[in-house]
Amino acid sequence: MAEKTNVEMIEEHRAEIDDIDRQIVALINERAMHSLQIRDLKPGARMGLYDPRREEEILQKVAKLNEGPLYSEHLREIYTTILKVMKEAPSL
């Protein structure tokens, strides 16, 4: 049996990345639904829409979950962007 070429191995990795991207998009949208539902519930719970302590808690939790190879600062950037987008998202 012939060994795979670098091009074939690259294509396999790309196919895996495409599958992972599909999963990430689905999970981000699932997360967004929960976030929007929480936003809709906050006024009835007499809570402000923006909670900087909760945002920092999320960022710290993500850093603790990180096992690499990304640096925690990079994950923080990604999650900061996700949280920013959610603040700007229209309600359900």
Protein backbone atom coordinates (compact mmCIF):
# COMPACT_ATOMS: atom_id res chain seq x y z
CA MET A 1 0.00 0.00 0.00
CA ALA A 2 1.34 3.41 -0.98
CA GLU A 3 1.93 6.05 1.65
CA LYS A 4 -0.30 9.09 1.57
CA THR A 5 1.13 12.20 0.01
CA ASN A 6 1.32 15.46 1.87
CA VAL A 7 -1.48 16.79 -0.32
CA GLU A 8 -3.71 13.84 0.62
CA MET A 9 -2.97 14.34 4.31
CA ILE A 10 -3.72 18.07 3.99
CA GLU A 11 -7.07 17.24 2.37
CA GLU A 12 -7.91 14.85 5.22
CA HIS A 13 -7.10 17.52 7.80
CA ARG A 14 -9.19 20.04 5.88
CA ALA A 15 -12.15 17.65 5.81
CA GLU A 16 -11.84 17.24 9.60
CA ILE A 17 -11.68 21.02 10.02
CA ASP A 18 -14.81 21.42 7.89
CA ASP A 19 -16.64 18.95 10.13
CA ILE A 20 -15.42 20.69 13.28
CA ASP A 21 -16.50 24.07 11.86
CA ARG A 22 -20.02 22.68 11.32
CA GLN A 23 -20.08 21.59 14.96
CA ILE A 24 -18.73 24.92 16.21
CA VAL A 25 -21.36 26.88 14.27
CA ALA A 26 -24.13 24.67 15.67
CA LEU A 27 -22.80 25.05 19.22
CA ILE A 28 -22.38 28.83 18.93
CA ASN A 29 -25.96 29.12 17.74
CA GLU A 30 -27.15 26.85 20.55
CA ARG A 31 -25.26 29.04 23.02
CA ALA A 32 -26.80 32.14 21.44
CA MET A 33 -30.32 30.77 21.94
CA HIS A 34 -29.68 30.27 25.66
CA SER A 35 -28.09 33.71 25.94
CA LEU A 36 -31.06 35.37 24.23
CA GLN A 37 -33.51 33.49 26.44
CA ILE A 38 -31.60 34.67 29.52
CA ARG A 39 -31.69 38.23 28.19
CA ASP A 40 -35.48 38.02 27.82
CA LEU A 41 -35.84 36.70 31.40
CA LYS A 42 -33.60 39.27 33.11
CA PRO A 43 -36.10 42.17 33.31
CA GLY A 44 -38.63 39.91 35.05
CA ALA A 45 -35.93 38.85 37.49
CA ARG A 46 -35.05 42.54 38.05
CA MET A 47 -31.56 41.98 36.69
CA GLY A 48 -29.62 44.34 34.48
CA LEU A 49 -28.96 43.21 30.92
CA TYR A 50 -25.18 43.56 31.26
CA ASP A 51 -23.34 41.81 34.09
CA PRO A 52 -19.58 42.44 33.90
CA ARG A 53 -18.97 39.99 36.77
CA ARG A 54 -20.69 37.19 34.85
CA GLU A 55 -18.72 38.06 31.73
CA GLU A 56 -15.43 37.84 33.65
CA GLU A 57 -16.59 34.57 35.23
CA ILE A 58 -17.17 33.13 31.75
CA LEU A 59 -13.73 34.26 30.55
CA GLN A 60 -12.01 32.79 33.61
CA LYS A 61 -13.89 29.51 33.24
CA VAL A 62 -12.85 29.24 29.59
CA ALA A 63 -9.22 29.84 30.56
CA LYS A 64 -9.41 27.05 33.16
CA LEU A 65 -10.89 24.66 30.58
CA ASN A 66 -8.10 25.37 28.12
CA GLU A 67 -5.73 22.47 27.51
CA GLY A 68 -4.00 24.03 24.50
CA PRO A 69 -2.51 24.36 22.01
CA LEU A 70 -4.16 27.80 22.01
CA TYR A 71 -3.03 30.23 24.67
CA SER A 72 -5.70 31.27 27.16
CA GLU A 73 -5.33 34.88 25.97
CA HIS A 74 -6.36 33.78 22.48
CA LEU A 75 -9.43 31.98 23.80
CA ARG A 76 -10.23 35.08 25.81
CA GLU A 77 -10.16 37.11 22.57
CA ILE A 78 -12.47 34.63 20.87
CA TYR A 79 -14.92 34.60 23.77
CA THR A 80 -14.80 38.37 24.17
CA THR A 81 -15.91 38.61 20.56
CA ILE A 82 -18.69 36.06 21.09
CA LEU A 83 -19.93 38.00 24.14
CA LYS A 84 -19.75 41.31 22.24
CA VAL A 85 -21.76 39.89 19.35
CA MET A 86 -24.37 38.53 21.74
CA LYS A 87 -24.81 41.97 23.32
CA GLU A 88 -25.54 43.35 19.85
CA ALA A 89 -27.81 40.49 18.73
CA PRO A 90 -31.51 41.25 18.32
CA SER A 91 -33.88 39.66 20.81
CA LEU A 92 -35.85 36.54 19.98
